């Protein structure tokens, strides 16, 4: 974990969050600035700056997708649909340098997103 990373601080319990899911490798919480009625941030407990820094052979991405599936079912957006977003780099909209996914649902999501 990184000492200065806001998501690492959330994982360590140094900053508050509304937990949605936690297991040995992933933590998920409600976004503090929700862009949809359901907006959950899913992060690995191990610090990766972005999807580009995940080592080959790691199963963290597939595990995050499995967790997203469980959360979508739990929060009742699986049937109506949801969006799972990973922003990578400044031009991709990544504002926190810790690999994370946004699960958004609970309303009709438009395309293009922005």
Protein backbone atom coordinates (compact mmCIF):
# COMPACT_ATOMS: atom_id res chain seq x y z
CA UNK A 1 0.00 0.00 0.00
CA UNK A 2 0.99 3.57 -0.56
CA UNK A 3 1.24 6.00 2.36
CA UNK A 4 -0.21 8.95 0.42
CA UNK A 5 -2.91 7.18 -1.64
CA UNK A 6 -6.47 8.10 -0.63
CA UNK A 7 -7.76 4.61 -1.52
CA UNK A 8 -5.00 2.93 0.50
CA UNK A 9 -6.03 5.15 3.43
CA UNK A 10 -9.64 4.00 3.02
CA UNK A 11 -8.52 0.35 2.99
CA UNK A 12 -6.49 0.91 6.18
CA UNK A 13 -9.50 2.56 7.86
CA UNK A 14 -7.78 5.95 8.12
CA UNK A 15 -10.55 7.59 6.07
CA UNK A 16 -14.26 6.77 6.37
CA UNK A 17 -16.23 4.93 3.71
CA UNK A 18 -19.56 3.16 3.34
CA UNK A 19 -18.47 -0.40 2.72
CA UNK A 20 -20.42 -2.44 0.18
CA UNK A 21 -18.09 -5.45 -0.07
CA UNK A 22 -14.81 -6.65 1.37
CA UNK A 23 -12.77 -9.81 0.96
CA UNK A 24 -9.08 -10.69 1.19
CA UNK A 25 -8.10 -8.85 -2.01
CA UNK A 26 -10.82 -6.30 -2.84
CA UNK A 27 -12.68 -3.50 -1.07
CA UNK A 28 -15.79 -1.79 -2.47
CA UNK A 29 -17.52 1.30 -1.15
CA UNK A 30 -20.12 3.91 -2.10
CA UNK A 31 -18.69 6.80 -4.12
CA UNK A 32 -18.75 10.10 -2.19
CA UNK A 33 -19.80 11.97 -5.36
CA UNK A 34 -22.29 9.56 -6.96
CA UNK A 35 -23.03 9.93 -10.65
CA UNK A 36 -25.97 7.49 -10.54
CA UNK A 37 -28.34 6.14 -7.87
CA UNK A 38 -25.94 3.21 -7.51
CA UNK A 39 -22.28 4.23 -7.68
CA UNK A 40 -19.77 1.89 -6.08
CA UNK A 41 -15.98 2.09 -6.30
CA UNK A 42 -14.21 -1.28 -6.39
CA UNK A 43 -10.50 -1.33 -5.55
CA UNK A 44 -7.85 -3.97 -4.99
CA UNK A 45 -6.28 -3.91 -1.55
CA UNK A 46 -2.86 -4.15 -3.15
CA UNK A 47 -1.81 -0.82 -4.65
CA UNK A 48 -1.50 -0.64 -8.44
CA UNK A 49 -1.26 2.82 -10.00
CA UNK A 50 -3.55 1.77 -12.87
CA UNK A 51 -4.55 -1.23 -14.96
CA UNK A 52 -1.23 -0.72 -16.78
CA UNK A 53 0.74 -1.67 -13.67
CA UNK A 54 -1.03 -4.98 -12.99
CA UNK A 55 1.52 -7.74 -13.58
CA UNK A 56 0.91 -10.37 -16.22
CA UNK A 57 -0.66 -13.45 -14.73
CA UNK A 58 -2.43 -11.59 -11.92
CA UNK A 59 -6.06 -12.54 -11.41
CA UNK A 60 -7.05 -9.24 -9.76
CA UNK A 61 -8.95 -7.93 -12.81
CA UNK A 62 -11.06 -11.07 -13.13
CA UNK A 63 -11.70 -11.03 -9.38
CA UNK A 64 -12.85 -7.40 -9.55
CA UNK A 65 -15.28 -8.39 -12.31
CA UNK A 66 -16.59 -11.27 -10.18
CA UNK A 67 -17.08 -8.87 -7.26
CA UNK A 68 -18.83 -6.37 -9.56
CA UNK A 69 -21.24 -9.13 -10.57
CA UNK A 70 -22.02 -9.89 -6.91
CA UNK A 71 -22.50 -6.20 -6.10
CA UNK A 72 -24.80 -5.68 -9.10
CA UNK A 73 -26.95 -8.58 -7.92
CA UNK A 74 -26.89 -7.40 -4.29
CA UNK A 75 -27.88 -3.83 -5.22
CA UNK A 76 -30.55 -4.99 -7.69
CA UNK A 77 -29.11 -3.47 -10.87
CA UNK A 78 -28.07 -6.70 -12.62
CA UNK A 79 -31.38 -7.19 -14.46
CA UNK A 80 -31.91 -3.57 -15.52
CA UNK A 81 -28.26 -3.03 -16.45
CA UNK A 82 -25.23 -1.25 -15.12
CA UNK A 83 -21.91 0.13 -16.28
CA UNK A 84 -18.48 -0.99 -15.08
CA UNK A 85 -15.86 1.68 -15.82
CA UNK A 86 -12.09 1.78 -15.42
CA UNK A 87 -10.44 5.13 -16.14
CA UNK A 88 -6.75 4.93 -16.99
CA UNK A 89 -4.46 7.97 -17.03
CA UNK A 90 -5.24 11.68 -16.93
CA UNK A 91 -6.85 11.85 -20.38
CA UNK A 92 -8.87 8.74 -19.53
CA UNK A 93 -10.35 10.52 -16.52
CA UNK A 94 -8.38 8.76 -13.76
CA UNK A 95 -8.17 11.14 -10.80
CA UNK A 96 -6.87 8.73 -8.13
CA UNK A 97 -3.67 6.83 -9.01
CA UNK A 98 -4.89 3.50 -7.61
CA UNK A 99 -6.52 0.92 -9.86
CA UNK A 100 -10.27 1.18 -9.43
CA UNK A 101 -13.55 0.47 -11.16
CA UNK A 102 -16.82 2.36 -10.91
CA UNK A 103 -20.05 0.35 -10.92
CA UNK A 104 -22.90 2.65 -11.94
CA UNK A 105 -26.58 1.77 -12.22
CA UNK A 106 -30.10 2.51 -11.09
CA UNK A 107 -30.92 4.76 -14.05
CA UNK A 108 -30.62 4.78 -17.83
CA UNK A 109 -26.98 5.52 -18.65
CA UNK A 110 -26.35 7.45 -21.85
CA UNK A 111 -23.58 7.08 -24.44
CA UNK A 112 -21.11 8.59 -25.02
CA UNK A 113 -20.38 9.08 -21.32
CA UNK A 114 -18.37 12.30 -21.65
